[in-house]
Protein backbone atom coordinates (compact mmCIF):
# COMPACT_ATOMS: atom_id res chain seq x y z
CA MET A 1 -20.95 -26.74 -62.53
CA PHE A 2 -21.47 -26.69 -58.73
CA VAL A 3 -18.42 -28.83 -58.21
CA LEU A 4 -16.34 -26.36 -60.33
CA ARG A 5 -17.49 -23.37 -58.20
CA LEU A 6 -16.69 -25.29 -54.97
CA LEU A 7 -13.27 -26.14 -56.33
CA ALA A 8 -12.59 -22.45 -57.04
CA HIS A 9 -13.15 -21.42 -53.42
CA ILE A 10 -10.90 -24.10 -51.90
CA PRO A 11 -7.65 -21.84 -52.05
CA ARG A 12 -9.50 -19.07 -50.15
CA PHE A 13 -10.61 -21.47 -47.46
CA LEU A 14 -7.12 -22.80 -47.19
CA ARG A 15 -5.86 -19.29 -46.66
CA LEU A 16 -8.40 -18.72 -44.07
CA ILE A 17 -7.54 -21.77 -41.96
CA LEU A 18 -3.89 -21.04 -42.09
CA SER A 19 -4.50 -17.55 -40.92
CA LEU A 20 -6.53 -18.85 -37.94
CA LEU A 21 -3.86 -21.30 -37.02
CA ALA A 22 -1.41 -18.48 -36.97
CA ILE A 23 -3.23 -16.58 -34.18
CA PRO A 24 -1.75 -17.45 -30.95
CA ALA A 25 -4.08 -19.14 -28.38
CA TYR A 26 -3.57 -17.02 -25.45
CA ALA A 27 -6.49 -18.39 -23.49
CA GLN A 28 -5.28 -21.86 -23.87
CA GLN A 29 -1.65 -21.26 -22.92
CA PRO A 30 -0.89 -22.06 -19.30
CA SER A 31 0.44 -19.23 -17.21
CA ASN A 32 3.88 -19.90 -15.55
CA ALA A 33 3.28 -17.37 -12.88
CA ALA A 34 2.08 -18.94 -9.63
CA PRO A 35 -1.06 -17.43 -7.87
CA ALA A 36 -0.36 -15.02 -5.11
CA LEU A 37 -0.55 -16.67 -1.50
CA ARG A 38 -3.25 -15.26 0.53
CA LEU A 39 -2.23 -13.97 3.95
CA SER A 40 -4.54 -12.57 6.52
CA CYS A 41 -3.90 -10.26 9.55
CA VAL A 42 -6.10 -8.75 12.33
CA GLU A 43 -4.19 -5.43 12.06
CA ALA A 44 -3.19 -3.51 8.89
CA VAL A 45 0.23 -2.77 10.09
CA TRP A 46 1.22 -6.52 10.06
CA CYS A 47 -0.20 -6.94 6.65
CA ASP A 48 1.77 -3.93 5.45
CA ILE A 49 4.96 -5.55 6.65
CA ALA A 50 4.14 -8.79 5.10
CA GLN A 51 3.07 -7.15 1.65
CA GLN A 52 6.49 -5.13 1.50
CA VAL A 53 8.39 -8.52 1.96
CA GLY A 54 6.28 -10.55 -0.26
CA GLY A 55 5.53 -8.08 -3.09
CA SER A 56 3.46 -9.84 -5.92
CA THR A 57 3.92 -13.24 -4.38
CA VAL A 58 1.35 -12.43 -1.59
CA GLN A 59 -2.06 -10.80 -1.36
CA THR A 60 -2.68 -9.55 2.14
CA TYR A 61 -6.13 -8.97 4.00
CA ALA A 62 -6.54 -7.00 7.02
CA LEU A 63 -9.54 -7.41 9.30
CA ILE A 64 -9.22 -4.14 11.06
CA HIS A 65 -8.65 -0.77 9.31
CA SER A 66 -10.51 1.66 11.73
CA GLU A 67 -8.85 3.54 14.42
CA GLY A 68 -11.77 3.10 16.54
CA LEU A 69 -11.74 -0.80 16.60
CA ASP A 70 -9.76 -2.21 19.46
CA PRO A 71 -8.27 -5.74 18.71
CA HIS A 72 -8.29 -6.67 22.53
CA HIS A 73 -12.00 -6.79 22.54
CA LEU A 74 -13.10 -7.31 18.98
CA GLN A 75 -15.78 -9.75 18.35
CA PRO A 76 -15.14 -11.27 14.95
CA SER A 77 -17.98 -11.42 12.43
CA PRO A 78 -18.70 -14.64 10.28
CA LEU A 79 -17.08 -12.82 7.24
CA MET A 80 -13.94 -12.28 9.36
CA ALA A 81 -13.81 -15.83 10.37
CA GLN A 82 -14.38 -16.95 6.75
CA GLN A 83 -11.52 -14.77 5.66
CA LEU A 84 -9.24 -16.41 8.19
CA ALA A 85 -10.29 -19.80 7.35
CA GLN A 86 -9.71 -19.40 3.66
CA SER A 87 -6.14 -17.98 4.10
CA ASP A 88 -2.78 -19.78 3.12
CA ALA A 89 -1.39 -17.95 6.19
CA ILE A 90 -2.38 -15.80 9.17
CA LEU A 91 0.01 -13.21 10.81
CA LEU A 92 -1.04 -12.29 14.30
CA ASN A 93 0.41 -9.85 16.85
CA GLY A 94 -0.25 -12.41 19.74
CA ALA A 95 0.71 -11.29 23.34
CA THR A 96 -2.99 -11.36 24.18
CA TYR A 97 -3.59 -8.54 21.71
CA ASP A 98 -5.46 -10.68 19.05
CA ASP A 99 -5.36 -14.16 20.44
CA TRP A 100 -8.99 -14.59 19.66
CA ALA A 101 -8.13 -15.18 16.02
CA LYS A 102 -5.88 -18.27 16.64
CA PRO A 103 -8.78 -20.84 16.73
CA LEU A 104 -10.00 -19.46 13.41
CA HIS A 105 -7.19 -20.50 11.16
CA ALA A 106 -7.36 -23.65 9.09
CA ALA A 107 -5.15 -26.65 10.00
CA SER A 108 -3.65 -26.36 6.49
CA SER A 109 -2.74 -22.73 6.84
CA LYS A 110 0.60 -21.37 8.36
CA LEU A 111 0.25 -19.43 11.53
CA PHE A 112 2.81 -16.58 12.35
CA ILE A 113 2.58 -15.05 15.77
CA ALA A 114 4.99 -12.08 16.23
CA ALA A 115 5.00 -12.53 20.07
CA ASP A 116 6.82 -15.80 19.45
CA TYR A 117 9.87 -13.84 18.10
CA ALA A 118 9.86 -11.33 21.00
CA ASP A 119 10.98 -11.31 24.65
CA TRP A 120 7.34 -10.76 25.79
CA HIS A 121 5.94 -11.73 29.11
CA ILE A 122 2.48 -11.52 30.55
CA GLY A 123 1.74 -8.00 31.63
CA ASP A 124 4.14 -6.52 29.24
CA ASP A 125 3.15 -3.95 26.60
CA PRO A 126 1.40 -6.07 23.71
CA HIS A 127 1.87 -3.58 20.86
CA LEU A 128 4.78 -5.54 19.33
CA PHE A 129 4.73 -3.57 15.94
CA PHE A 130 6.51 -0.74 17.85
CA ASP A 131 9.36 -3.09 18.61
CA LEU A 132 11.94 -3.15 15.84
CA PRO A 133 13.73 -6.45 16.51
CA THR A 134 10.30 -8.20 16.66
CA VAL A 135 9.14 -6.72 13.36
CA HIS A 136 12.59 -7.53 11.77
CA LYS A 137 12.35 -11.15 13.04
CA THR A 138 8.77 -11.47 11.82
CA ALA A 139 9.63 -10.14 8.36
CA GLN A 140 12.41 -12.62 8.05
CA ARG A 141 9.95 -15.62 9.06
CA ILE A 142 7.58 -14.48 6.27
CA ALA A 143 10.35 -14.11 3.63
CA GLU A 144 11.53 -17.71 4.63
CA TRP A 145 7.86 -19.15 4.00
CA LEU A 146 7.28 -17.30 0.85
CA SER A 147 10.66 -18.34 -0.69
CA THR A 148 9.71 -21.90 0.32
CA ASN A 149 6.27 -21.74 -1.40
CA ARG A 150 7.39 -19.61 -4.32
CA PRO A 151 10.99 -20.63 -5.04
CA GLN A 152 10.71 -19.03 -8.63
CA ALA A 153 10.34 -15.71 -6.85
CA ARG A 154 13.15 -16.41 -4.26
CA ALA A 155 15.46 -13.58 -5.62
CA ASP A 156 12.66 -10.83 -5.57
CA ILE A 157 11.69 -11.71 -2.12
CA SER A 158 15.33 -11.49 -0.95
CA GLN A 159 15.56 -8.13 -2.41
CA ASN A 160 12.29 -6.90 -0.96
CA LEU A 161 13.63 -8.11 2.53
CA ALA A 162 16.94 -6.38 2.18
CA ARG A 163 15.27 -3.23 1.19
CA PHE A 164 12.89 -3.51 4.29
CA GLU A 165 15.84 -4.33 6.50
CA ARG A 166 17.64 -1.10 5.29
CA ASP A 167 14.67 0.95 6.48
CA VAL A 168 14.66 -0.93 9.82
CA ALA A 169 18.35 0.16 10.08
CA ARG A 170 17.53 3.71 9.34
CA LEU A 171 14.82 3.71 12.23
CA SER A 172 17.63 2.30 14.54
CA THR A 173 19.87 5.33 13.48
CA GLN A 174 17.06 7.58 14.30
CA LEU A 175 16.47 5.95 17.74
CA GLU A 176 20.32 6.19 18.41
CA ARG A 177 20.34 9.87 17.70
CA LEU A 178 17.30 10.40 19.80
CA ARG A 179 18.99 8.75 22.76
CA HIS A 180 21.42 11.87 22.78
CA VAL A 181 19.00 14.66 22.38
CA VAL A 182 17.63 14.45 26.12
CA PRO A 183 18.92 11.33 27.78
CA ASN A 184 16.34 9.69 30.00
CA ALA A 185 13.78 12.36 29.23
CA PRO A 186 10.57 11.79 31.35
CA PHE A 187 7.20 11.36 29.79
CA ALA A 188 3.77 9.94 30.58
CA MET A 189 1.16 7.99 28.59
CA THR A 190 -2.57 7.37 28.98
CA GLU A 191 -2.11 3.90 27.46
CA PRO A 192 1.17 2.09 26.52
CA ALA A 193 0.70 2.03 22.73
CA GLY A 194 4.25 2.99 21.51
CA GLU A 195 5.81 2.36 24.75
CA ARG A 196 8.38 -0.06 23.30
CA LEU A 197 9.50 2.48 20.83
CA LEU A 198 9.97 5.39 23.32
CA TYR A 199 12.00 3.03 25.64
CA ALA A 200 14.23 2.10 22.70
CA ALA A 201 14.85 5.81 22.36
CA GLY A 202 16.20 6.08 25.84
CA LEU A 203 13.07 7.94 27.29
CA HIS A 204 11.87 7.31 30.87
CA MET A 205 8.04 6.61 31.36
CA ILE A 206 6.86 7.82 34.90
CA ASP A 207 3.32 6.25 34.87
CA GLU A 208 3.91 2.73 33.64
CA GLY A 209 1.63 1.27 36.32
CA TRP A 210 -1.23 3.74 35.81
CA ALA A 211 -1.06 3.37 32.05
CA ARG A 212 -1.12 -0.46 32.22
CA ALA A 213 -3.95 -0.59 34.62
CA LEU A 214 -6.03 1.66 32.34
CA MET A 215 -5.33 -0.53 29.35
CA ASN A 216 -6.11 -3.66 31.13
CA GLU A 217 -9.12 -2.15 33.00
CA SER A 218 -7.81 -3.54 36.23
CA GLY A 219 -8.64 -0.56 38.37
CA LEU A 220 -6.62 2.67 38.84
CA SER A 221 -4.62 3.25 42.18
CA PRO A 222 -5.60 6.56 43.64
CA ARG A 223 -2.02 6.89 44.65
CA ASP A 224 -0.68 6.44 41.01
CA THR A 225 -3.30 8.82 39.74
CA ALA A 226 -2.28 11.47 42.35
CA GLN A 227 1.38 10.90 41.46
CA LEU A 228 0.75 11.48 37.78
CA GLU A 229 -1.33 14.58 38.38
CA THR A 230 1.40 16.24 40.52
CA ALA A 231 4.03 15.44 37.99
CA ILE A 232 1.78 17.16 35.38
CA GLN A 233 1.13 20.01 37.41
CA HIS A 234 4.74 20.69 38.41
CA LYS A 235 5.81 20.03 34.75
CA GLU A 236 7.95 17.17 35.67
CA ILE A 237 7.27 15.44 32.19
CA ARG A 238 8.39 16.55 28.79
CA PHE A 239 5.36 15.42 26.92
CA LEU A 240 2.17 13.21 27.30
CA VAL A 241 1.32 10.44 24.87
CA ARG A 242 -2.32 9.93 24.04
CA ASN A 243 -3.92 7.03 22.30
CA PRO A 244 -6.89 8.27 20.19
CA ALA A 245 -8.48 4.91 20.26
CA LEU A 246 -8.90 5.22 24.10
CA GLU A 247 -12.09 6.57 25.34
CA ALA A 248 -11.93 6.65 29.07
CA PRO A 249 -12.77 9.50 31.29
CA GLN A 250 -9.68 9.13 33.31
CA ALA A 251 -7.43 9.55 30.14
CA HIS A 252 -9.47 12.60 29.13
CA ALA A 253 -8.98 14.18 32.55
CA VAL A 254 -5.27 13.69 32.37
CA GLU A 255 -5.15 15.24 28.83
CA ALA A 256 -7.11 18.23 29.89
CA LEU A 257 -4.75 18.75 32.91
CA THR A 258 -1.65 18.36 30.59
CA GLN A 259 -3.22 21.10 28.34
CA GLN A 260 -3.74 23.38 31.37
CA ALA A 261 -0.04 22.88 32.24
CA HIS A 262 0.96 23.76 28.63
CA ILE A 263 2.85 20.38 28.25
CA PRO A 264 2.94 19.16 24.74
CA ILE A 265 0.68 16.15 23.80
CA ILE A 266 1.85 13.61 21.21
CA THR A 267 -0.70 11.25 19.55
CA ILE A 268 0.46 7.61 19.00
CA GLY A 269 -2.45 5.36 17.83
CA GLU A 270 -2.72 1.55 17.44
CA SER A 271 -3.62 1.54 13.77
CA LEU A 272 -1.44 2.23 10.78
CA PRO A 273 -2.37 5.65 9.19
CA ALA A 274 -3.79 5.37 5.70
CA GLY A 275 -1.20 6.03 3.16
CA LEU A 276 1.89 5.22 5.16
CA HIS A 277 4.04 2.10 5.50
CA TRP A 278 5.11 0.83 8.83
CA GLN A 279 8.51 2.40 8.70
CA ASP A 280 7.24 5.93 7.63
CA TRP A 281 4.77 5.71 10.57
CA LEU A 282 7.44 5.03 13.09
CA GLY A 283 9.80 7.47 11.59
CA HIS A 284 7.16 10.21 11.64
CA ILE A 285 6.50 9.52 15.40
CA LEU A 286 10.29 9.65 16.22
CA THR A 287 10.60 12.88 14.32
CA ILE A 288 7.78 14.60 16.30
CA ILE A 289 9.29 13.52 19.58
CA GLU A 290 12.81 14.78 18.58
CA THR A 291 11.41 18.07 17.57
CA THR A 292 9.37 18.29 20.75
CA LEU A 293 12.51 17.65 22.87
CA THR A 294 14.84 20.06 21.16
CA GLN A 295 12.43 22.89 20.94
CA GLN A 296 10.92 22.53 24.40
CA ALA A 297 12.23 24.57 27.32
CA THR A 298 13.64 22.45 30.19
CA PRO A 299 11.04 21.97 32.81
């Protein structure tokens, strides 16, 4: 009797087994998508550029997000060092800006230094993310590396790069238009962050030596300080550029003097503002400068 009952259930067991075999084994199927490559930067702006080019093929990590942290003098934490050591690639600004991170990359990782693609010399402005040709060349090197390591995504990477290059071209057009608003318009800076962008717009910086000395903490010349103060008091500049990350009494004194002279002050920081891409940031800066120059009365 027991055997007969068992035989009666065999068809039901067979149907159950067949139904289980019909269920796709998703957990056991290998994924064709390669994992994203890990790329680390000191500055968020360089990671933004790499992320735009790489899309889903790359996962970026920026060590600095805060406006108050200066890459020049940053002391890396053990967590930062670990992040750099575990990356597939590291993208640095170079030009003495974040050179402390160079020894922290693993021998097996790829090291990109934007200064290698720039016409930079010791003593020049190190903020290379304000230089369109340097950013363009860096983006191209990132795209080449990603395409080599993720050949299956080469078409998407090429499309991303082309889109980014169109944005660079639009910025170039904006620069060209600005050159004709007030050619060779004089301006001053408390620190040369954004200097390369303003020079490309055809503007003239009157206090280059003073701003560089303040940035490098090499000692301000009383003569240069007097000349800058005189230019402000006589309204010989169209605007002053301030760096919000710079906490120096000399810079605050110049800003106060500029306000007393009713000269516009434009803020250009060293950190990518939250929610903006690199090209949006620079485009916004150029729009503010163009508006300032067109609406301001001639000194």
